[in-house]
Amino acid sequence: MKLSARNQLKGTIVEIQEGAVNAIVKINVGNDNIITADITVQSVKELGLTVGKEVYAVIKATNVMVGIE
């Protein structure tokens, strides 16, 4: 599969928190850097996502916010 998104980070699922409709999927992309994705529970099931599975975090964003304290 090829995608136009340039930000594709390979990692390993470290946690999945399923809710009624959505799931929070945490992906370790190296050096304990965690990317968190909010996807549907149906997508988790269709993709066969489980803790320990290697996946890609694909980031396609038109805006990036930066904050400071």
C-alpha atoms as a PDB file:
ATOM      1  CA  MET A   1       0.000   0.000   0.000  1.00  0.00           C
ATOM      2  CA  LYS A   2       1.293   3.444  -0.900  1.00  0.00           C
ATOM      3  CA  LEU A   3       0.007   6.641   0.703  1.00  0.00           C
ATOM      4  CA  SER A   4       0.516  10.302  -0.067  1.00  0.00           C
ATOM      5  CA  ALA A   5       1.045  11.113   3.617  1.00  0.00           C
ATOM      6  CA  ARG A   6       4.751  11.608   4.280  1.00  0.00           C
ATOM      7  CA  ASN A   7       4.595  11.180   8.051  1.00  0.00           C
ATOM      8  CA  GLN A   8       4.495   7.392   8.405  1.00  0.00           C
ATOM      9  CA  LEU A   9       5.978   6.119  11.657  1.00  0.00           C
ATOM     10  CA  LYS A  10       6.426   2.387  12.200  1.00  0.00           C
ATOM     11  CA  GLY A  11       5.802   1.220  15.726  1.00  0.00           C
ATOM     12  CA  THR A  12       4.322  -1.341  18.063  1.00  0.00           C
ATOM     13  CA  ILE A  13       0.940  -1.159  19.777  1.00  0.00           C
ATOM     14  CA  VAL A  14       1.479  -0.945  23.541  1.00  0.00           C
ATOM     15  CA  GLU A  15      -2.097  -0.341  24.700  1.00  0.00           C
ATOM     16  CA  ILE A  16      -5.668  -0.382  23.422  1.00  0.00           C
ATOM     17  CA  GLN A  17      -8.462   1.171  25.510  1.00  0.00           C
ATOM     18  CA  GLU A  18     -11.842   0.283  24.022  1.00  0.00           C
ATOM     19  CA  GLY A  19     -14.885   2.402  24.752  1.00  0.00           C
ATOM     20  CA  ALA A  20     -18.460   2.013  23.545  1.00  0.00           C
ATOM     21  CA  VAL A  21     -17.739   3.431  20.077  1.00  0.00           C
ATOM     22  CA  ASN A  22     -14.117   4.602  19.921  1.00  0.00           C
ATOM     23  CA  ALA A  23     -10.805   3.122  21.012  1.00  0.00           C
ATOM     24  CA  ILE A  24      -7.580   4.799  22.070  1.00  0.00           C
ATOM     25  CA  VAL A  25      -4.603   3.034  20.472  1.00  0.00           C
ATOM     26  CA  LYS A  26      -1.127   3.818  21.826  1.00  0.00           C
ATOM     27  CA  ILE A  27       1.811   3.113  19.507  1.00  0.00           C
ATOM     28  CA  ASN A  28       5.461   3.147  20.595  1.00  0.00           C
ATOM     29  CA  VAL A  29       7.384   4.557  17.619  1.00  0.00           C
ATOM     30  CA  GLY A  30      10.801   4.181  19.249  1.00  0.00           C
ATOM     31  CA  ASN A  31      12.693   5.453  22.282  1.00  0.00           C
ATOM     32  CA  ASP A  32       9.439   5.239  24.283  1.00  0.00           C
ATOM     33  CA  ASN A  33       7.839   7.940  22.104  1.00  0.00           C
ATOM     34  CA  ILE A  34       4.117   7.183  22.118  1.00  0.00           C
ATOM     35  CA  ILE A  35       1.663   8.264  19.413  1.00  0.00           C
ATOM     36  CA  THR A  36      -1.995   8.079  20.449  1.00  0.00           C
ATOM     37  CA  ALA A  37      -4.750   7.508  17.915  1.00  0.00           C
ATOM     38  CA  ASP A  38      -8.511   7.737  18.497  1.00  0.00           C
ATOM     39  CA  ILE A  39     -10.202   5.319  16.079  1.00  0.00           C
ATOM     40  CA  THR A  40     -13.452   3.383  16.021  1.00  0.00           C
ATOM     41  CA  VAL A  41     -13.753   0.032  17.793  1.00  0.00           C
ATOM     42  CA  GLN A  42     -14.951  -1.350  14.456  1.00  0.00           C
ATOM     43  CA  SER A  43     -11.632  -0.310  12.871  1.00  0.00           C
ATOM     44  CA  VAL A  44      -9.709  -2.032  15.674  1.00  0.00           C
ATOM     45  CA  LYS A  45     -11.600  -5.245  14.918  1.00  0.00           C
ATOM     46  CA  GLU A  46     -11.379  -4.975  11.117  1.00  0.00           C
ATOM     47  CA  LEU A  47      -7.615  -4.357  11.251  1.00  0.00           C
ATOM     48  CA  GLY A  48      -7.090  -7.090  13.852  1.00  0.00           C
ATOM     49  CA  LEU A  49      -5.227  -4.697  16.142  1.00  0.00           C
ATOM     50  CA  THR A  50      -3.746  -6.206  19.288  1.00  0.00           C
ATOM     51  CA  VAL A  51      -1.082  -5.205  21.796  1.00  0.00           C
ATOM     52  CA  GLY A  52       2.330  -6.135  20.410  1.00  0.00           C
ATOM     53  CA  LYS A  53       1.309  -5.865  16.746  1.00  0.00           C
ATOM     54  CA  GLU A  54       3.543  -3.803  14.429  1.00  0.00           C
ATOM     55  CA  VAL A  55       1.631  -0.994  12.718  1.00  0.00           C
ATOM     56  CA  TYR A  56       2.184   2.365  11.056  1.00  0.00           C
ATOM     57  CA  ALA A  57       1.007   5.645  12.541  1.00  0.00           C
ATOM     58  CA  VAL A  58       0.119   7.708   9.467  1.00  0.00           C
ATOM     59  CA  ILE A  59      -0.195  11.421  10.175  1.00  0.00           C
ATOM     60  CA  LYS A  60      -1.865  13.704   7.637  1.00  0.00           C
ATOM     61  CA  ALA A  61      -2.617  17.086   9.137  1.00  0.00           C
ATOM     62  CA  THR A  62      -3.254  20.499   7.708  1.00  0.00           C
ATOM     63  CA  ASN A  63      -2.580  22.237  11.032  1.00  0.00           C
ATOM     64  CA  VAL A  64      -0.071  21.763  13.815  1.00  0.00           C
ATOM     65  CA  MET A  65      -0.530  23.553  17.112  1.00  0.00           C
ATOM     66  CA  VAL A  66       2.387  24.504  19.361  1.00  0.00           C
ATOM     67  CA  GLY A  67       1.979  25.535  22.981  1.00  0.00           C
ATOM     68  CA  ILE A  68       4.160  26.701  25.842  1.00  0.00           C
ATOM     69  CA  GLU A  69       3.660  27.102  29.563  1.00  0.00           C
END
